[in-house]
Amino acid sequence: MQNTFGKAIVQLRKEKGLTQKELADTLGVTDKAVSRWETDKNYPDIETLRRLSKMFDVSIDDMLKGDLKIVPKKTPIKRIMVIAIIIIVIAYMFPVYNWQRVINYNYFGAQEAAYLMFRGWPTEYAEVQQIIDLAEGAFSKVGISEAEAKETYGALSRYCITDDYENVKTQKHKLKICSVHLKQYTSEYTGYIWVRYDQEGLTEEGDIDMGSWDAMALWCLEKDETGNWYVAKVREMP
């Protein structure tokens, strides 16, 4: 649709949040006069045009042509939603609360704790998915011998509930990956995974016989001769 002076006045007035009467009172004219401008039935005199130009901060020429290139304003609700999404994304990608939990214990070094400041990129998570799958298997294993656990799960065997725990028949666990950082060539290892987990060993009656809760662990990674990542060392607070 063709832009007109009337449409321009309607848009400019609404952007200011004014009714026809409020605009009319400001200019010292009748609301009927404003209505006739907005329907392109009449034009204001040159002095009123100057006042409109100053009030709306647009040139007289642009008003008369209706050439305002006005971008509709977002509603406050949309702005709040955008801000909320940004905050959520930042909080997710930069989980500072985890870093504070680790650094306060004075067990892990500053560089190790710093790997918790940024969650890491999705591509890095995909690259170590086989480690995460292996860890889930280790956490789920009950009644396995220590030798078999080490043979199958390597450094992750510490999460197996071995046959040393005779009373444990089943287990419950929750494993959360906090951050993944690969190819850190300036460090001792070439990759790191921070995890947070709960683990319970349950008796046949369902009672808790052993467990760890809200534990933080740093898995130090290397690559084997085939180029696959593996956990070379697990660091946890004693």
Protein backbone atom coordinates (compact mmCIF):
# COMPACT_ATOMS: atom_id res chain seq x y z
CA MET A 1 0.00 0.00 0.00
CA GLN A 2 1.18 3.51 -0.85
CA ASN A 3 2.52 5.61 2.01
CA THR A 4 0.69 8.88 2.63
CA PHE A 5 0.97 11.89 4.92
CA GLY A 6 -2.06 10.68 6.85
CA LYS A 7 -0.58 7.24 7.50
CA ALA A 8 2.66 8.87 8.60
CA ILE A 9 0.85 11.04 11.16
CA VAL A 10 -1.04 8.00 12.50
CA GLN A 11 2.18 6.05 12.99
CA LEU A 12 4.08 8.96 14.53
CA ARG A 13 1.22 9.79 16.88
CA LYS A 14 0.90 6.18 18.04
CA GLU A 15 4.65 5.93 18.55
CA LYS A 16 4.35 8.84 20.95
CA GLY A 17 1.40 7.18 22.64
CA LEU A 18 -0.95 10.07 21.89
CA THR A 19 -4.64 10.07 21.08
CA GLN A 20 -6.01 12.32 18.36
CA LYS A 21 -7.36 14.69 21.02
CA GLU A 22 -4.05 14.80 22.91
CA LEU A 23 -2.18 15.65 19.70
CA ALA A 24 -4.81 18.23 18.84
CA ASP A 25 -4.56 19.88 22.27
CA THR A 26 -0.77 20.04 21.99
CA LEU A 27 -0.98 21.76 18.62
CA GLY A 28 -3.93 23.97 19.53
CA VAL A 29 -6.26 22.50 16.91
CA THR A 30 -9.39 20.36 17.05
CA ASP A 31 -9.36 16.58 17.12
CA LYS A 32 -11.47 16.72 13.98
CA ALA A 33 -8.61 18.54 12.24
CA VAL A 34 -6.23 15.76 13.24
CA SER A 35 -8.73 13.17 12.00
CA ARG A 36 -8.90 14.90 8.61
CA TRP A 37 -5.09 14.92 8.36
CA GLU A 38 -4.91 11.21 9.15
CA THR A 39 -7.47 10.36 6.48
CA ASP A 40 -5.67 12.58 3.93
CA LYS A 41 -8.68 14.88 3.61
CA ASN A 42 -6.71 17.95 4.58
CA TYR A 43 -3.19 19.15 5.46
CA PRO A 44 -2.00 21.35 8.32
CA ASP A 45 -0.64 24.82 7.62
CA ILE A 46 3.10 25.35 7.32
CA GLU A 47 3.55 26.47 10.92
CA THR A 48 1.76 23.35 12.22
CA LEU A 49 3.87 21.22 9.90
CA ARG A 50 7.00 22.74 11.47
CA ARG A 51 5.70 21.92 14.95
CA LEU A 52 4.85 18.37 13.91
CA SER A 53 8.32 17.96 12.39
CA LYS A 54 9.97 19.11 15.62
CA MET A 55 7.65 17.03 17.85
CA PHE A 56 8.18 13.79 15.90
CA ASP A 57 11.80 14.49 14.92
CA VAL A 58 11.24 13.90 11.20
CA SER A 59 11.56 16.23 8.23
CA ILE A 60 8.54 17.94 6.75
CA ASP A 61 9.39 16.43 3.38
CA ASP A 62 9.45 12.87 4.80
CA MET A 63 6.13 13.43 6.57
CA LEU A 64 4.46 14.71 3.42
CA LYS A 65 5.79 11.75 1.42
CA GLY A 66 4.94 9.29 4.17
CA ASP A 67 8.49 7.96 3.77
CA LEU A 68 9.31 7.23 7.42
CA LYS A 69 10.66 3.66 7.31
CA ILE A 70 9.17 3.13 10.75
CA VAL A 71 10.00 -0.19 12.39
CA PRO A 72 7.21 -1.31 14.71
CA LYS A 73 8.36 -1.33 18.29
CA LYS A 74 8.51 -4.60 20.13
CA THR A 75 6.11 -4.93 22.98
CA PRO A 76 7.60 -4.86 26.51
CA ILE A 77 6.66 -8.54 26.91
CA LYS A 78 8.71 -9.49 23.86
CA ARG A 79 11.67 -7.48 25.14
CA ILE A 80 11.44 -9.19 28.52
CA MET A 81 11.32 -12.59 26.82
CA VAL A 82 14.40 -11.79 24.73
CA ILE A 83 16.31 -10.60 27.79
CA ALA A 84 15.24 -13.68 29.75
CA ILE A 85 16.41 -16.00 26.96
CA ILE A 86 19.79 -14.24 26.80
CA ILE A 87 20.22 -14.54 30.58
CA ILE A 88 19.31 -18.25 30.49
CA VAL A 89 21.77 -18.94 27.66
CA ILE A 90 24.57 -17.07 29.46
CA ALA A 91 23.84 -18.86 32.76
CA TYR A 92 23.83 -22.21 30.93
CA MET A 93 27.05 -21.64 28.98
CA PHE A 94 28.90 -20.04 31.92
CA PRO A 95 27.97 -22.08 35.05
CA VAL A 96 29.85 -19.94 37.57
CA TYR A 97 28.09 -21.63 40.48
CA ASN A 98 29.97 -24.89 39.75
CA TRP A 99 33.28 -23.04 39.66
CA GLN A 100 32.64 -21.53 43.08
CA ARG A 101 31.89 -24.94 44.54
CA VAL A 102 35.22 -26.34 43.36
CA ILE A 103 37.52 -23.38 44.00
CA ASN A 104 36.34 -23.05 47.60
CA TYR A 105 37.70 -26.51 48.45
CA ASN A 106 41.30 -25.56 47.56
CA TYR A 107 41.89 -29.07 46.20
CA PHE A 108 41.82 -28.41 42.47
CA GLY A 109 44.18 -25.95 40.83
CA ALA A 110 43.05 -22.62 39.42
CA GLN A 111 43.49 -23.81 35.83
CA GLU A 112 41.48 -26.98 36.50
CA ALA A 113 38.70 -24.99 38.15
CA ALA A 114 38.73 -22.52 35.27
CA TYR A 115 37.51 -25.27 32.94
CA LEU A 116 34.20 -25.02 34.81
CA MET A 117 33.73 -21.37 33.83
CA PHE A 118 32.61 -22.27 30.31
CA ARG A 119 30.47 -25.30 29.50
CA GLY A 120 32.17 -26.00 26.16
CA TRP A 121 30.91 -26.37 22.60
CA PRO A 122 28.34 -28.95 21.44
CA THR A 123 30.90 -30.36 19.00
CA GLU A 124 33.18 -31.22 21.91
CA TYR A 125 30.38 -33.05 23.70
CA ALA A 126 29.73 -35.07 20.56
CA GLU A 127 33.43 -35.92 20.29
CA VAL A 128 33.52 -37.52 23.76
CA GLN A 129 30.10 -39.19 23.66
CA GLN A 130 31.75 -42.63 23.80
CA ILE A 131 33.32 -41.65 27.14
CA ILE A 132 29.97 -40.53 28.53
CA ASP A 133 28.37 -43.81 27.40
CA LEU A 134 31.18 -45.80 28.98
CA ALA A 135 30.79 -43.86 32.23
CA GLU A 136 27.06 -44.62 32.33
CA GLY A 137 27.96 -48.30 32.00
CA ALA A 138 30.48 -48.09 34.83
CA PHE A 139 28.02 -46.37 37.17
CA SER A 140 25.41 -49.02 36.41
CA LYS A 141 27.68 -52.01 37.05
CA VAL A 142 27.08 -53.96 40.27
CA GLY A 143 28.87 -57.10 41.53
CA ILE A 144 31.73 -56.97 39.04
CA SER A 145 35.27 -57.93 40.08
CA GLU A 146 37.82 -55.16 40.45
CA ALA A 147 40.05 -56.70 37.78
CA GLU A 148 37.19 -56.97 35.30
CA ALA A 149 36.11 -53.42 36.07
CA LYS A 150 39.58 -52.04 35.33
CA GLU A 151 39.85 -54.10 32.16
CA THR A 152 36.50 -52.85 30.85
CA TYR A 153 36.28 -49.28 32.14
CA GLY A 154 39.87 -48.21 32.80
CA ALA A 155 40.07 -45.12 35.04
CA LEU A 156 36.27 -45.02 35.16
CA SER A 157 36.23 -48.38 36.99
CA ARG A 158 36.16 -46.46 40.26
CA TYR A 159 32.44 -45.91 39.63
CA CYS A 160 31.66 -49.61 39.39
CA ILE A 161 30.21 -51.19 42.52
CA THR A 162 32.50 -54.20 42.73
CA ASP A 163 31.90 -57.52 44.45
CA ASP A 164 33.71 -56.12 47.50
CA TYR A 165 30.32 -54.62 48.42
CA GLU A 166 28.58 -57.93 49.11
CA ASN A 167 25.37 -56.38 50.41
CA VAL A 168 24.80 -54.16 47.36
CA LYS A 169 22.40 -55.71 44.85
CA THR A 170 21.25 -52.70 42.81
CA GLN A 171 22.28 -49.12 42.27
CA LYS A 172 20.88 -45.66 41.49
CA HIS A 173 22.90 -42.86 39.99
CA LYS A 174 22.60 -39.50 38.28
CA LEU A 175 25.45 -38.25 36.11
CA LYS A 176 25.63 -34.67 34.81
CA ILE A 177 28.31 -33.37 32.43
CA CYS A 178 29.26 -29.86 33.57
CA SER A 179 31.85 -28.93 30.95
CA VAL A 180 33.96 -30.40 28.16
CA HIS A 181 37.23 -28.87 26.94
CA LEU A 182 39.41 -30.62 24.38
CA LYS A 183 42.83 -30.02 22.88
CA GLN A 184 44.17 -27.99 25.80
CA TYR A 185 47.75 -28.48 24.64
CA THR A 186 49.21 -26.06 27.18
CA SER A 187 48.01 -28.28 30.02
CA GLU A 188 49.23 -31.63 31.32
CA TYR A 189 46.40 -33.44 29.52
CA THR A 190 44.84 -32.73 26.14
CA GLY A 191 41.23 -32.69 27.30
CA TYR A 192 39.06 -32.36 30.38
CA ILE A 193 35.52 -33.26 31.40
CA TRP A 194 34.00 -31.94 34.59
CA VAL A 195 31.14 -34.06 35.97
CA ARG A 196 28.74 -33.90 38.88
CA TYR A 197 27.09 -37.07 40.15
CA ASP A 198 25.06 -38.91 42.79
CA GLN A 199 25.46 -42.67 43.29
CA GLU A 200 23.81 -45.07 45.72
CA GLY A 201 24.37 -48.78 46.27
CA LEU A 202 21.20 -50.46 47.52
CA THR A 203 20.68 -53.69 49.43
CA GLU A 204 18.12 -56.29 48.43
CA GLU A 205 15.68 -54.57 50.81
CA GLY A 206 16.29 -51.22 49.11
CA ASP A 207 18.36 -49.71 51.91
CA ILE A 208 21.38 -47.53 51.08
CA ASP A 209 24.61 -49.41 51.83
CA MET A 210 27.08 -46.97 50.24
CA GLY A 211 27.05 -43.86 48.09
CA SER A 212 28.31 -40.47 47.03
CA TRP A 213 26.14 -37.40 46.65
CA ASP A 214 26.62 -34.12 44.80
CA ALA A 215 30.22 -35.11 44.05
CA MET A 216 32.39 -33.19 41.57
CA ALA A 217 35.03 -34.98 39.51
CA LEU A 218 37.52 -33.95 36.84
CA TRP A 219 38.19 -36.51 34.12
CA CYS A 220 41.57 -35.91 32.48
CA LEU A 221 41.61 -37.06 28.86
CA GLU A 222 44.13 -38.32 26.35
CA LYS A 223 43.86 -39.86 22.87
CA ASP A 224 44.81 -43.45 22.15
CA GLU A 225 46.75 -44.65 19.10
CA THR A 226 43.54 -44.77 17.05
CA GLY A 227 42.66 -41.16 17.83
CA ASN A 228 39.83 -41.87 20.27
CA TRP A 229 39.50 -40.03 23.56
CA TYR A 230 39.79 -41.94 26.82
CA VAL A 231 39.92 -41.03 30.53
CA ALA A 232 43.56 -41.21 31.59
CA LYS A 233 42.98 -40.04 35.17
CA VAL A 234 40.09 -39.17 37.48
CA ARG A 235 40.60 -36.40 40.00
CA GLU A 236 38.23 -36.13 42.95
CA MET A 237 38.48 -34.70 46.39
CA PRO A 238 39.75 -37.32 48.87
